[in-house]
């Protein structure tokens, strides 16, 4: 892959998710899962087994993402970015979605410590739409 294509791909992935107007640093992968929310009245009738569905909201997104080989400064920035109880998120999945989300508990993995004592981390996180 040419350097130009690699740089273009890095730029594309970097801008796919922003939190409070700041791109998630070091973003390498993400998955968006749209969900429907059903009312308490949704269910199957015991006698006939026929489903009655009362959808009250569609396209409620869950995002799962990974930031690979990020340094200590980037890790601290990412943790700070996701700390508030409610964040404004914009993401691209063939269309732009703007919404409020909250962050779930992340998985933080130490990948490497170099001879100068610098750490490199993998960070996996989730964001769930309000």
Protein backbone atom coordinates (compact mmCIF):
# COMPACT_ATOMS: atom_id res chain seq x y z
CA UNK A 1 0.00 0.00 0.00
CA UNK A 2 1.41 3.39 -0.90
CA UNK A 3 2.17 5.99 1.74
CA UNK A 4 -0.48 8.30 0.25
CA UNK A 5 -3.19 5.62 0.52
CA UNK A 6 -2.13 4.80 4.09
CA UNK A 7 -2.32 8.47 5.06
CA UNK A 8 -5.73 8.78 3.40
CA UNK A 9 -6.99 5.68 5.23
CA UNK A 10 -5.65 7.01 8.55
CA UNK A 11 -7.46 10.30 7.97
CA UNK A 12 -10.72 8.55 7.10
CA UNK A 13 -10.73 6.34 10.19
CA UNK A 14 -9.67 9.26 12.41
CA UNK A 15 -12.68 11.36 11.45
CA UNK A 16 -15.32 8.63 11.67
CA UNK A 17 -16.16 9.26 15.33
CA UNK A 18 -15.92 12.58 17.16
CA UNK A 19 -16.73 13.18 20.82
CA UNK A 20 -17.60 16.77 21.74
CA UNK A 21 -16.19 17.82 18.32
CA UNK A 22 -12.83 16.07 18.89
CA UNK A 23 -11.82 13.00 16.87
CA UNK A 24 -11.15 9.88 18.91
CA UNK A 25 -7.35 9.63 18.88
CA UNK A 26 -5.71 6.50 17.49
CA UNK A 27 -9.00 4.99 16.27
CA UNK A 28 -8.30 1.80 14.34
CA UNK A 29 -11.67 -0.02 14.25
CA UNK A 30 -15.26 0.57 15.15
CA UNK A 31 -18.58 -1.20 14.85
CA UNK A 32 -21.98 0.48 14.89
CA UNK A 33 -24.99 -1.61 15.89
CA UNK A 34 -28.47 -0.12 15.39
CA UNK A 35 -31.13 -1.37 17.82
CA UNK A 36 -34.87 -0.96 18.17
CA UNK A 37 -36.52 -0.19 21.48
CA UNK A 38 -39.84 -1.91 22.06
CA UNK A 39 -42.53 -1.01 24.55
CA UNK A 40 -43.47 -3.22 27.49
CA UNK A 41 -46.51 -4.29 25.44
CA UNK A 42 -44.30 -6.13 22.93
CA UNK A 43 -44.40 -9.89 23.21
CA UNK A 44 -45.98 -13.11 22.05
CA UNK A 45 -49.48 -14.09 23.03
CA UNK A 46 -49.38 -17.25 25.16
CA UNK A 47 -52.18 -18.98 23.29
CA UNK A 48 -51.37 -18.39 19.63
CA UNK A 49 -47.69 -17.46 19.78
CA UNK A 50 -48.37 -14.48 17.54
CA UNK A 51 -45.94 -11.63 18.03
CA UNK A 52 -47.30 -8.21 18.86
CA UNK A 53 -44.60 -5.60 18.46
CA UNK A 54 -44.81 -2.02 19.53
CA UNK A 55 -41.60 -0.31 18.52
CA UNK A 56 -41.15 3.02 20.26
CA UNK A 57 -37.76 4.01 18.84
CA UNK A 58 -35.49 2.74 16.08
CA UNK A 59 -31.80 3.22 15.25
CA UNK A 60 -30.59 3.46 18.83
CA UNK A 61 -26.88 2.90 18.26
CA UNK A 62 -24.21 1.10 20.23
CA UNK A 63 -20.64 1.78 19.11
CA UNK A 64 -17.69 -0.46 19.90
CA UNK A 65 -14.26 0.88 19.00
CA UNK A 66 -10.57 0.19 19.38
CA UNK A 67 -7.59 2.51 19.53
CA UNK A 68 -4.39 0.54 19.01
CA UNK A 69 -0.82 1.26 20.08
CA UNK A 70 -1.59 4.62 21.69
CA UNK A 71 0.92 6.26 24.01
CA UNK A 72 0.41 7.44 27.61
CA UNK A 73 -0.58 10.99 26.60
CA UNK A 74 -3.15 9.75 24.08
CA UNK A 75 -4.53 7.25 26.61
CA UNK A 76 -5.00 10.00 29.20
CA UNK A 77 -6.66 12.23 26.59
CA UNK A 78 -9.03 9.45 25.56
CA UNK A 79 -9.98 8.67 29.16
CA UNK A 80 -10.66 12.35 29.83
CA UNK A 81 -12.68 12.68 26.62
CA UNK A 82 -14.98 9.80 27.63
CA UNK A 83 -15.27 10.64 31.36
CA UNK A 84 -18.42 12.84 31.33
CA UNK A 85 -21.74 11.11 31.96
CA UNK A 86 -23.08 12.44 28.66
CA UNK A 87 -21.09 13.32 25.52
CA UNK A 88 -22.05 14.66 22.11
CA UNK A 89 -21.03 12.15 19.45
CA UNK A 90 -20.96 12.37 15.67
CA UNK A 91 -20.17 9.30 13.59
CA UNK A 92 -20.27 8.24 9.96
CA UNK A 93 -21.86 4.97 8.80
CA UNK A 94 -22.76 5.87 5.24
CA UNK A 95 -24.63 8.80 6.76
CA UNK A 96 -23.81 11.21 9.55
CA UNK A 97 -25.38 10.46 12.93
CA UNK A 98 -25.35 13.13 15.68
CA UNK A 99 -26.49 12.09 19.14
CA UNK A 100 -25.78 12.02 22.85
CA UNK A 101 -24.10 8.92 24.22
CA UNK A 102 -22.47 7.56 27.36
CA UNK A 103 -19.28 5.53 27.58
CA UNK A 104 -19.17 2.04 29.03
CA UNK A 105 -16.28 0.60 31.01
CA UNK A 106 -13.25 0.33 28.71
CA UNK A 107 -10.69 -2.44 28.36
CA UNK A 108 -7.16 -1.07 28.52
CA UNK A 109 -4.32 -3.40 27.57
CA UNK A 110 -0.62 -2.67 27.94
CA UNK A 111 0.95 -3.82 24.67
CA UNK A 112 4.53 -2.68 24.88
CA UNK A 113 7.00 -0.76 27.02
CA UNK A 114 10.05 0.49 25.17
CA UNK A 115 13.60 0.87 26.48
CA UNK A 116 12.90 4.53 27.32
CA UNK A 117 9.98 3.53 29.55
CA UNK A 118 7.31 4.73 27.12
CA UNK A 119 4.12 2.64 27.24
CA UNK A 120 1.88 1.68 24.33
CA UNK A 121 -1.71 0.67 24.92
CA UNK A 122 -4.73 -0.85 23.20
CA UNK A 123 -7.99 0.77 24.30
CA UNK A 124 -11.37 -0.84 23.56
CA UNK A 125 -14.47 1.12 24.45
CA UNK A 126 -18.19 1.37 23.90
CA UNK A 127 -20.58 4.25 23.46
CA UNK A 128 -24.34 3.84 23.87
CA UNK A 129 -26.94 6.25 22.57
CA UNK A 130 -29.28 7.97 25.05
